[in-house]
Protein backbone atom coordinates (compact mmCIF):
# COMPACT_ATOMS: atom_id res chain seq x y z
CA MET A 1 -85.85 -32.10 27.62
CA SER A 2 -88.14 -33.00 24.68
CA GLU A 3 -89.34 -31.37 21.67
CA ARG A 4 -92.19 -29.52 20.99
CA SER A 5 -94.04 -29.24 18.39
CA GLU A 6 -96.80 -26.72 18.38
CA PRO A 7 -98.13 -23.40 16.48
CA ALA A 8 -97.46 -21.43 19.48
CA THR A 9 -100.19 -19.76 19.86
CA SER A 10 -102.33 -22.22 17.72
CA VAL A 11 -104.56 -22.67 21.26
CA GLY A 12 -105.71 -20.20 22.45
CA THR A 13 -107.95 -19.20 25.74
CA SER A 14 -111.27 -19.34 23.28
CA HIS A 15 -110.35 -22.70 21.85
CA VAL A 16 -112.64 -26.12 22.78
CA GLU A 17 -111.49 -28.74 20.67
CA THR A 18 -108.21 -29.99 20.96
CA GLU A 19 -106.40 -29.45 17.70
CA VAL A 20 -103.46 -30.94 16.22
CA GLY A 21 -100.61 -29.01 17.40
CA SER A 22 -98.86 -29.02 21.39
CA VAL A 23 -99.08 -26.48 23.78
CA PHE A 24 -96.89 -27.36 26.28
CA VAL A 25 -94.49 -24.75 26.48
CA SER A 26 -90.81 -25.99 27.41
CA ASN A 27 -88.42 -23.14 26.01
CA TYR A 28 -88.02 -19.93 24.52
CA PRO A 29 -87.78 -18.47 21.98
CA PRO A 30 -89.36 -21.24 19.86
CA TYR A 31 -87.63 -24.35 18.68
CA SER A 32 -88.15 -23.14 15.04
CA PHE A 33 -86.14 -19.95 14.91
CA TRP A 34 -82.87 -22.70 16.48
CA GLY A 35 -81.10 -23.59 12.49
CA GLU A 36 -78.50 -25.40 11.80
CA ASP A 37 -76.69 -22.07 10.50
CA ARG A 38 -76.33 -21.22 13.83
CA ALA A 39 -74.92 -24.66 15.21
CA GLN A 40 -71.48 -22.31 15.15
CA GLY A 41 -72.65 -20.09 17.89
CA ALA A 42 -73.25 -23.45 19.92
CA LEU A 43 -69.94 -25.05 19.38
CA ASP A 44 -68.06 -21.44 20.33
CA ALA A 45 -70.30 -20.98 23.65
CA LEU A 46 -68.57 -24.12 24.45
CA GLN A 47 -65.42 -22.88 24.50
CA GLN A 48 -66.28 -19.73 26.65
CA PRO A 49 -65.65 -20.01 30.35
CA PRO A 50 -68.77 -20.20 32.27
CA ARG A 51 -70.92 -17.55 33.22
CA PRO A 52 -70.78 -16.50 37.10
CA ASP A 53 -72.69 -18.09 39.74
CA THR A 54 -75.08 -20.33 36.99
CA PRO A 55 -74.98 -23.83 37.99
CA LEU A 56 -74.74 -26.63 35.59
CA GLY A 57 -76.64 -29.95 35.15
CA LEU A 58 -76.57 -32.82 32.71
CA TYR A 59 -79.34 -34.10 30.93
CA LEU A 60 -79.15 -37.74 29.53
CA HIS A 61 -81.53 -38.78 26.25
CA ILE A 62 -81.97 -42.67 26.80
CA PRO A 63 -84.08 -42.66 23.27
CA PHE A 64 -85.50 -46.85 23.59
CA CYS A 65 -88.72 -47.93 24.61
CA ARG A 66 -90.36 -51.30 24.20
CA ARG A 67 -93.32 -49.50 22.35
CA ARG A 68 -94.27 -46.20 20.77
CA CYS A 69 -97.50 -44.65 22.31
CA LYS A 70 -100.41 -43.29 19.79
CA PHE A 71 -99.63 -39.53 21.67
CA CYS A 72 -95.64 -39.87 21.38
CA TYR A 73 -93.50 -37.15 19.01
CA PHE A 74 -90.41 -37.76 21.37
CA LYS A 75 -87.20 -39.24 19.60
CA VAL A 76 -87.34 -42.70 20.66
CA TYR A 77 -86.58 -46.34 19.09
CA THR A 78 -88.12 -49.37 19.53
CA ASP A 79 -86.19 -51.69 17.46
CA LYS A 80 -82.70 -51.38 18.90
CA ASN A 81 -81.09 -54.69 19.68
CA SER A 82 -78.47 -54.99 23.38
CA SER A 83 -75.40 -54.72 20.67
CA GLU A 84 -77.20 -51.38 19.52
CA ILE A 85 -77.62 -50.06 22.58
CA GLU A 86 -74.26 -50.80 23.92
CA ARG A 87 -73.01 -48.85 21.10
CA TYR A 88 -75.32 -45.93 21.53
CA VAL A 89 -74.24 -46.01 25.73
CA GLU A 90 -70.51 -45.87 24.70
CA ALA A 91 -70.97 -42.91 21.94
CA VAL A 92 -72.77 -41.17 25.21
CA ALA A 93 -70.24 -41.77 27.22
CA ALA A 94 -67.37 -40.60 25.13
CA GLU A 95 -69.47 -37.20 24.20
CA ALA A 96 -69.29 -36.40 28.07
CA GLU A 97 -65.97 -37.46 28.37
CA ARG A 98 -65.07 -34.99 25.32
CA ALA A 99 -67.20 -32.18 26.91
CA ALA A 100 -65.48 -32.52 29.97
CA LYS A 101 -62.53 -30.98 28.24
CA LEU A 102 -64.52 -27.88 27.33
CA PRO A 103 -63.87 -24.04 29.15
CA ALA A 104 -67.46 -24.10 29.63
CA VAL A 105 -67.50 -27.27 31.54
CA ALA A 106 -64.38 -28.27 33.02
CA GLY A 107 -63.64 -28.37 36.42
CA ARG A 108 -67.68 -27.22 37.25
CA PRO A 109 -69.64 -28.73 40.26
CA VAL A 110 -72.17 -30.38 38.40
CA LYS A 111 -75.90 -29.20 40.53
CA PHE A 112 -78.30 -31.93 38.80
CA VAL A 113 -78.50 -34.63 36.60
CA TYR A 114 -81.63 -35.41 34.59
CA PHE A 115 -82.19 -39.03 32.67
CA GLY A 116 -84.95 -38.59 30.18
CA GLY A 117 -86.14 -40.73 27.36
CA GLY A 118 -87.56 -42.56 25.91
CA THR A 119 -87.54 -44.37 28.77
CA PRO A 120 -84.29 -44.78 30.99
CA SER A 121 -85.61 -48.02 32.82
CA TYR A 122 -85.51 -49.80 29.48
CA LEU A 123 -81.28 -49.98 30.19
CA SER A 124 -80.16 -53.28 31.39
CA THR A 125 -78.47 -52.62 34.63
CA LYS A 126 -75.41 -53.59 33.22
CA HIS A 127 -75.50 -50.93 30.45
CA LEU A 128 -76.75 -48.45 33.25
CA ARG A 129 -74.05 -49.11 35.39
CA MET A 130 -71.48 -48.84 32.27
CA LEU A 131 -73.24 -45.32 31.58
CA VAL A 132 -72.89 -43.74 34.59
CA GLU A 133 -69.36 -44.76 35.56
CA ARG A 134 -68.20 -43.35 32.50
CA VAL A 135 -69.71 -40.27 32.59
CA ARG A 136 -69.25 -39.92 36.35
CA GLY A 137 -65.72 -40.37 35.69
CA ALA A 138 -65.45 -37.43 33.27
CA ILE A 139 -68.40 -34.79 35.26
CA PRO A 140 -68.05 -35.77 38.84
CA TRP A 141 -71.14 -35.79 40.61
CA ASP A 142 -69.71 -34.83 43.95
CA GLY A 143 -71.87 -32.43 46.33
CA ILE A 144 -74.85 -33.09 43.61
CA GLU A 145 -78.47 -32.47 44.80
CA GLU A 146 -80.58 -34.39 42.57
CA VAL A 147 -80.59 -37.30 40.35
CA ALA A 148 -83.49 -37.77 38.30
CA PHE A 149 -84.76 -40.62 36.30
CA GLU A 150 -87.76 -41.52 34.48
CA ALA A 151 -89.28 -44.96 34.85
CA GLU A 152 -91.81 -46.95 32.85
CA PRO A 153 -93.13 -50.13 35.34
CA GLY A 154 -93.15 -52.61 32.78
CA THR A 155 -89.49 -52.43 32.61
CA LEU A 156 -88.90 -52.31 36.19
CA THR A 157 -87.52 -55.64 38.40
CA GLU A 158 -86.44 -55.01 41.87
CA PRO A 159 -82.75 -55.83 40.89
CA LYS A 160 -82.72 -53.05 38.24
CA LEU A 161 -84.87 -50.80 41.24
CA ALA A 162 -81.70 -51.76 42.97
CA THR A 163 -79.11 -50.94 40.72
CA ILE A 164 -80.84 -47.37 39.87
CA ARG A 165 -80.64 -46.15 43.66
CA GLU A 166 -77.31 -47.86 44.08
CA VAL A 167 -76.02 -45.33 41.14
CA GLY A 168 -77.18 -42.41 42.81
CA VAL A 169 -80.66 -41.80 41.76
CA THR A 170 -82.53 -39.60 44.18
CA ARG A 171 -85.95 -38.96 42.30
CA LEU A 172 -87.74 -41.58 40.66
CA SER A 173 -90.37 -40.31 37.96
CA LEU A 174 -92.57 -43.44 37.19
CA GLY A 175 -95.05 -42.83 33.98
CA VAL A 176 -98.23 -44.46 34.97
CA GLU A 177 -100.34 -42.13 32.99
CA HIS A 178 -103.45 -44.18 34.05
CA PHE A 179 -104.36 -47.41 35.73
CA ASP A 180 -107.49 -48.57 33.20
CA ASP A 181 -106.03 -51.26 31.13
CA GLU A 182 -108.16 -50.51 28.50
CA ILE A 183 -107.49 -46.75 28.05
CA LEU A 184 -103.75 -47.96 28.33
CA ARG A 185 -103.50 -50.70 25.68
CA GLU A 186 -105.86 -48.23 23.48
CA ASN A 187 -103.01 -45.04 23.81
CA GLY A 188 -100.01 -47.75 23.07
CA ARG A 189 -98.66 -47.79 26.26
CA ALA A 190 -96.36 -51.05 26.95
CA HIS A 191 -97.35 -51.28 30.52
CA VAL A 192 -100.62 -52.54 32.30
CA SER A 193 -102.21 -52.06 35.49
CA LYS A 194 -100.95 -55.49 36.69
CA GLU A 195 -97.29 -54.14 36.33
CA ILE A 196 -97.98 -50.78 38.38
CA ASP A 197 -99.07 -52.81 40.92
CA ARG A 198 -96.77 -54.88 40.71
CA VAL A 199 -93.60 -52.15 41.23
CA ILE A 200 -95.23 -50.02 43.55
CA PRO A 201 -94.21 -51.48 46.39
CA TRP A 202 -90.67 -52.03 44.81
CA VAL A 203 -90.11 -48.28 44.54
CA ARG A 204 -91.26 -47.85 47.86
CA ALA A 205 -88.81 -50.04 49.20
CA ALA A 206 -85.58 -49.20 47.59
CA GLY A 207 -85.94 -46.28 49.46
CA PHE A 208 -85.56 -43.28 47.06
CA GLU A 209 -85.51 -39.88 48.48
CA GLN A 210 -88.43 -38.79 46.30
CA TRP A 211 -90.88 -40.92 43.94
CA ASN A 212 -93.48 -38.87 41.46
CA LEU A 213 -96.21 -40.65 39.69
CA ASP A 214 -97.28 -39.37 36.28
CA LEU A 215 -100.89 -39.13 35.12
CA ILE A 216 -102.20 -37.32 31.98
CA ALA A 217 -105.82 -36.05 32.11
CA GLY A 218 -107.56 -37.04 28.62
CA MET A 219 -106.15 -39.76 27.54
CA VAL A 220 -108.58 -41.71 24.75
CA GLY A 221 -111.10 -43.31 26.15
CA ASP A 222 -110.90 -41.57 29.74
CA THR A 223 -114.44 -40.81 31.22
CA ASP A 224 -115.57 -39.13 34.58
CA ALA A 225 -115.77 -42.45 36.27
CA THR A 226 -111.85 -43.43 34.90
CA TRP A 227 -110.46 -40.61 35.74
CA ALA A 228 -111.62 -40.26 39.26
CA ARG A 229 -110.36 -43.81 39.90
CA ALA A 230 -106.83 -43.39 38.49
CA VAL A 231 -106.69 -40.39 40.84
CA GLU A 232 -107.97 -42.49 43.74
CA ARG A 233 -105.52 -45.51 42.67
CA THR A 234 -103.04 -42.60 42.66
CA ILE A 235 -103.46 -41.68 46.12
CA GLU A 236 -103.66 -45.07 47.61
CA ALA A 237 -100.08 -45.47 45.50
CA SER A 238 -98.80 -42.59 47.87
CA PRO A 239 -96.24 -41.20 46.00
CA ASP A 240 -94.15 -37.69 47.38
CA SER A 241 -95.51 -35.62 44.21
CA VAL A 242 -98.31 -36.52 41.70
CA THR A 243 -97.21 -34.60 38.02
CA ILE A 244 -100.31 -34.65 36.08
CA TYR A 245 -100.99 -33.38 32.54
CA GLN A 246 -103.53 -33.27 29.81
CA MET A 247 -103.45 -35.01 26.78
CA GLU A 248 -102.42 -33.10 23.43
CA LEU A 249 -101.65 -33.67 19.96
CA PRO A 250 -98.30 -32.70 18.74
CA PHE A 251 -97.61 -32.91 15.38
CA ASN A 252 -96.17 -36.28 14.06
CA THR A 253 -98.18 -38.92 16.72
CA VAL A 254 -100.59 -41.48 15.42
CA TYR A 255 -103.57 -39.85 16.62
CA SER A 256 -102.43 -36.60 15.23
CA LYS A 257 -102.15 -37.89 11.53
CA GLN A 258 -105.32 -39.64 11.92
CA LYS A 259 -106.83 -36.62 13.11
CA LEU A 260 -105.27 -34.04 10.32
CA GLU A 261 -106.40 -37.17 7.94
CA GLY A 262 -110.00 -36.66 8.81
CA GLY A 263 -110.71 -39.96 11.57
CA GLY A 264 -108.93 -40.55 14.55
CA PRO A 265 -110.76 -41.37 17.86
CA HIS A 266 -112.27 -38.80 20.11
CA ILE A 267 -110.24 -36.34 22.52
CA ALA A 268 -111.79 -34.88 24.96
CA ASP A 269 -112.05 -30.93 24.75
CA TRP A 270 -109.90 -28.19 26.84
CA LYS A 271 -112.70 -27.70 29.01
CA THR A 272 -113.18 -31.38 29.87
CA LYS A 273 -109.78 -31.91 30.67
CA ARG A 274 -109.15 -28.71 32.93
CA ARG A 275 -111.94 -29.94 34.90
CA TRP A 276 -110.39 -33.37 35.47
CA HIS A 277 -107.18 -32.04 36.15
CA ASP A 278 -108.74 -29.53 38.70
CA GLU A 279 -110.78 -32.57 40.46
CA ALA A 280 -107.83 -34.62 40.94
CA PHE A 281 -105.86 -31.18 42.41
CA ARG A 282 -108.64 -30.83 44.78
CA ARG A 283 -108.68 -34.31 45.71
CA LEU A 284 -105.24 -34.64 46.59
CA GLU A 285 -105.34 -31.84 48.74
CA GLN A 286 -107.82 -33.29 50.49
CA ALA A 287 -105.41 -36.22 51.00
CA GLY A 288 -102.95 -33.92 52.14
CA TYR A 289 -101.02 -32.87 49.27
CA GLU A 290 -100.53 -29.31 48.09
CA LEU A 291 -99.40 -27.26 44.89
CA SER A 292 -96.19 -26.93 43.67
CA SER A 293 -96.49 -25.99 40.01
CA ALA A 294 -99.15 -26.10 37.41
CA TYR A 295 -98.57 -29.79 36.81
CA THR A 296 -97.43 -30.73 40.27
CA MET A 297 -98.58 -31.79 43.82
CA VAL A 298 -96.30 -32.79 47.13
CA LYS A 299 -97.26 -34.42 50.11
CA LYS A 300 -97.30 -31.86 52.64
CA GLY A 301 -93.83 -31.99 54.73
CA GLY A 302 -92.30 -34.28 52.74
CA ASN A 303 -89.60 -33.69 50.38
CA GLY A 304 -91.44 -31.62 47.11
CA ARG A 305 -88.45 -29.56 45.61
CA PHE A 306 -87.61 -30.80 42.51
CA VAL A 307 -83.75 -29.51 41.43
CA TYR A 308 -84.25 -30.23 37.66
CA ARG A 309 -87.55 -28.14 37.10
CA ASN A 310 -86.54 -25.41 39.24
CA SER A 311 -83.02 -25.18 38.11
CA VAL A 312 -84.10 -25.13 34.43
CA TRP A 313 -86.75 -22.71 34.82
CA GLN A 314 -84.26 -20.30 36.25
CA GLY A 315 -81.72 -19.67 33.43
CA CYS A 316 -79.20 -23.00 34.95
CA ASP A 317 -76.55 -24.06 32.22
CA LEU A 318 -77.60 -27.59 30.81
CA LEU A 319 -75.59 -30.23 28.75
CA PRO A 320 -77.40 -32.04 26.78
CA LEU A 321 -76.08 -35.46 26.02
CA GLY A 322 -77.69 -37.76 23.37
CA VAL A 323 -78.67 -37.92 19.84
CA SER A 324 -81.42 -35.29 19.67
CA SER A 325 -80.86 -33.67 23.13
CA PHE A 326 -81.69 -29.97 23.73
CA GLY A 327 -79.57 -28.51 26.24
CA HIS A 328 -78.37 -24.48 26.82
CA MET A 329 -74.57 -23.22 27.53
CA ASN A 330 -73.99 -19.56 27.81
CA GLY A 331 -76.57 -17.62 26.63
CA VAL A 332 -77.05 -20.49 23.28
CA HIS A 333 -80.08 -22.95 23.08
CA TYR A 334 -78.75 -25.96 21.12
CA GLN A 335 -80.00 -29.70 20.08
CA ASN A 336 -78.03 -32.42 18.87
CA ILE A 337 -78.20 -34.55 15.54
CA SER A 338 -81.93 -36.21 15.58
CA ARG A 339 -80.81 -39.25 13.29
CA TRP A 340 -79.51 -42.47 15.05
CA ASP A 341 -76.76 -42.97 12.32
CA GLU A 342 -75.39 -39.37 12.11
CA TYR A 343 -74.98 -39.06 15.84
CA LEU A 344 -73.41 -42.60 16.45
CA ARG A 345 -71.03 -41.34 13.06
CA ARG A 346 -70.18 -38.38 14.42
CA ILE A 347 -69.53 -39.00 17.97
CA GLU A 348 -67.12 -42.02 16.84
CA ALA A 349 -65.57 -39.76 14.47
CA GLY A 350 -64.37 -37.56 17.30
CA GLU A 351 -66.79 -34.51 15.92
CA ALA A 352 -69.14 -32.36 18.19
CA ALA A 353 -72.68 -33.58 17.53
CA VAL A 354 -74.65 -29.97 17.54
CA ASP A 355 -76.83 -29.64 14.91
CA ARG A 356 -78.66 -26.60 15.36
CA ALA A 357 -78.58 -23.46 17.60
CA TYR A 358 -80.43 -20.20 19.06
CA GLU A 359 -78.28 -17.58 20.73
CA THR A 360 -80.27 -16.04 22.89
CA SER A 361 -80.31 -12.45 23.83
CA GLU A 362 -80.64 -10.72 27.42
CA SER A 363 -85.06 -10.18 26.97
CA GLU A 364 -85.13 -13.35 24.97
CA ARG A 365 -83.38 -15.15 28.43
CA LEU A 366 -85.81 -12.69 30.81
CA THR A 367 -88.88 -13.39 28.90
CA ARG A 368 -87.95 -17.25 29.05
CA GLU A 369 -87.65 -17.46 32.66
CA LEU A 370 -90.90 -15.41 33.29
CA ILE A 371 -93.02 -17.90 31.06
CA LEU A 372 -91.09 -20.73 32.76
CA GLN A 373 -91.68 -19.59 36.32
CA LEU A 374 -94.80 -18.96 35.90
CA LYS A 375 -95.45 -22.10 35.79
CA LEU A 376 -95.16 -22.30 39.47
CA GLY A 377 -98.21 -20.31 39.86
CA ARG A 378 -96.72 -17.63 42.32
CA ILE A 379 -93.89 -15.16 41.19
CA SER A 380 -92.72 -12.09 42.31
CA ALA A 381 -90.76 -9.39 40.24
CA ALA A 382 -87.62 -8.96 42.52
CA PRO A 383 -85.84 -11.71 41.66
CA PHE A 384 -86.44 -10.40 38.03
CA GLN A 385 -85.21 -6.73 39.24
CA GLU A 386 -81.97 -8.15 40.57
CA LYS A 387 -80.65 -10.54 37.88
CA PHE A 388 -82.22 -9.23 34.90
CA GLY A 389 -82.36 -5.31 35.66
CA VAL A 390 -86.02 -4.28 34.88
CA SER A 391 -88.96 -4.33 36.23
CA ILE A 392 -91.18 -7.30 34.58
CA LEU A 393 -94.31 -5.42 35.62
CA GLU A 394 -93.00 -2.69 33.47
CA THR A 395 -91.81 -4.50 30.88
CA PHE A 396 -94.88 -6.92 30.18
CA ALA A 397 -97.34 -4.59 31.65
CA GLY A 398 -99.90 -5.59 28.50
CA ALA A 399 -99.31 -9.12 28.86
CA PHE A 400 -100.72 -8.88 32.28
CA ASP A 401 -102.89 -6.35 32.42
CA LYS A 402 -104.79 -8.67 29.67
CA LEU A 403 -104.63 -11.63 31.79
CA LYS A 404 -105.92 -9.94 34.56
CA ALA A 405 -108.65 -8.62 33.17
CA ASP A 406 -109.37 -12.21 31.58
CA GLY A 407 -109.38 -13.33 35.41
CA MET A 408 -106.13 -15.31 34.61
CA LEU A 409 -103.57 -13.84 37.02
CA GLU A 410 -103.87 -11.19 40.52
CA ILE A 411 -100.97 -8.90 41.04
CA ASP A 412 -100.58 -7.55 45.00
CA GLY A 413 -97.76 -5.57 45.02
CA ASP A 414 -94.63 -7.09 43.78
CA GLU A 415 -96.34 -10.38 43.76
CA ILE A 416 -97.88 -12.10 40.99
CA ARG A 417 -100.48 -14.96 41.41
CA LEU A 418 -102.60 -16.97 38.58
CA THR A 419 -105.79 -17.90 39.70
CA ARG A 420 -107.19 -21.30 39.42
CA THR A 421 -108.48 -20.83 35.92
CA GLY A 422 -105.18 -19.19 34.68
CA LEU A 423 -103.55 -22.28 36.76
CA LEU A 424 -105.11 -24.83 34.54
CA ARG A 425 -104.43 -23.18 31.55
CA VAL A 426 -101.31 -21.25 32.01
CA ASP A 427 -99.52 -22.52 28.59
CA GLN A 428 -102.22 -21.29 26.84
CA LEU A 429 -101.38 -18.10 28.52
CA LEU A 430 -97.59 -18.16 28.07
CA PRO A 431 -97.48 -16.93 24.37
CA ALA A 432 -99.21 -13.67 25.61
CA PHE A 433 -95.43 -12.50 26.68
CA TYR A 434 -93.47 -13.27 23.10
CA ALA A 435 -92.04 -10.75 21.35
CA GLU A 436 -93.79 -9.71 18.13
CA ALA A 437 -91.09 -11.67 15.91
CA HIS A 438 -92.06 -15.37 18.00
CA GLN A 439 -95.91 -14.86 17.69
CA ASN A 440 -98.41 -17.33 15.84
CA ALA A 441 -94.65 -19.19 14.80
CA ARG A 442 -94.50 -22.91 14.35
CA TYR A 443 -92.98 -24.00 17.96
CA THR A 444 -90.28 -26.55 16.59
């Protein structure tokens, strides 16, 4: 659950150059509409019983990394020692124990847990066991459908992978991003290819129900040849799923600051990144994978489900734990305080960590679920009619007609399908569905 710092419509379908400003849409309304003056709304929502038939998931933010990538804008720390990390783990556990007693959480079954970062695999086995034991003790995971966990190759050892599996992780996502050492080093990644090669057999042997490999198309230094090799190396690794993102330039990254100052390295344009993305998807299809979303391919006949993604996109409740983490409970979006010292102070003082919030309307929740589910590439209007009592084809007729005329989607009766062109630029299309008040707004 990462903060995206973009002007929401800054990169339209006609833009070629990769401009500063993120494109990826992870929530709605844009974060810039969330306010500290609305934080009480989140606290009130947590004191209310849950809405009927709404699943609950947990998001645990692990904000530690060996190194900050030059394209990274997440809340991460590269300078924390073991005692500081242990203090943080204890704080997150205490936050979970306190949340477990709130009416919105108490007694509810948990559908999924997501460990995000930062780098969750940066945690030592001692700290990981400590965190899981405390959180599970407060909010039981009995009957859980998925525990997803992000990992960086250089932080993994065979014993640590065994521990990750032992604490219940079912879906491991390996943040490879690329296989070329020069590209990895230039972009500030902490690992190189020998660490990837070392860890993949360990991941296979650990016996996760599913493991995913992440790639980024268009990292600084990427070429047709290096990208093609990265795709082939991915196929050789044979993960259960492959997730591909297109390189972007959010504000507050090393590369973005350089570009705003008139310098910095060349970043591939959107046309090139979309072509690479498309070539990777086509090659993966030849290798026995099929489409799961605009970003993800899964092995045919394998375990390709992603409970966290699907639940969030369908409007579940998500309890955020940790510094700067995002969630939504009872129709209210909110974020925890993003300052390390203040987060720890509040938790240790028995105070709430909520920093800013936004209480959504029914129409905003409809828009949010529509735009996020469009990332699947194919949706039916019927579930929206059943849940919200409105026809999305009528409510959003203008946006659908425009995108259809532009060749971005097709409509066949009740079904809406993105074309391949639309799929490869889906995040750049989604602001077409925003309410007028949210158009052209900075995303954060």
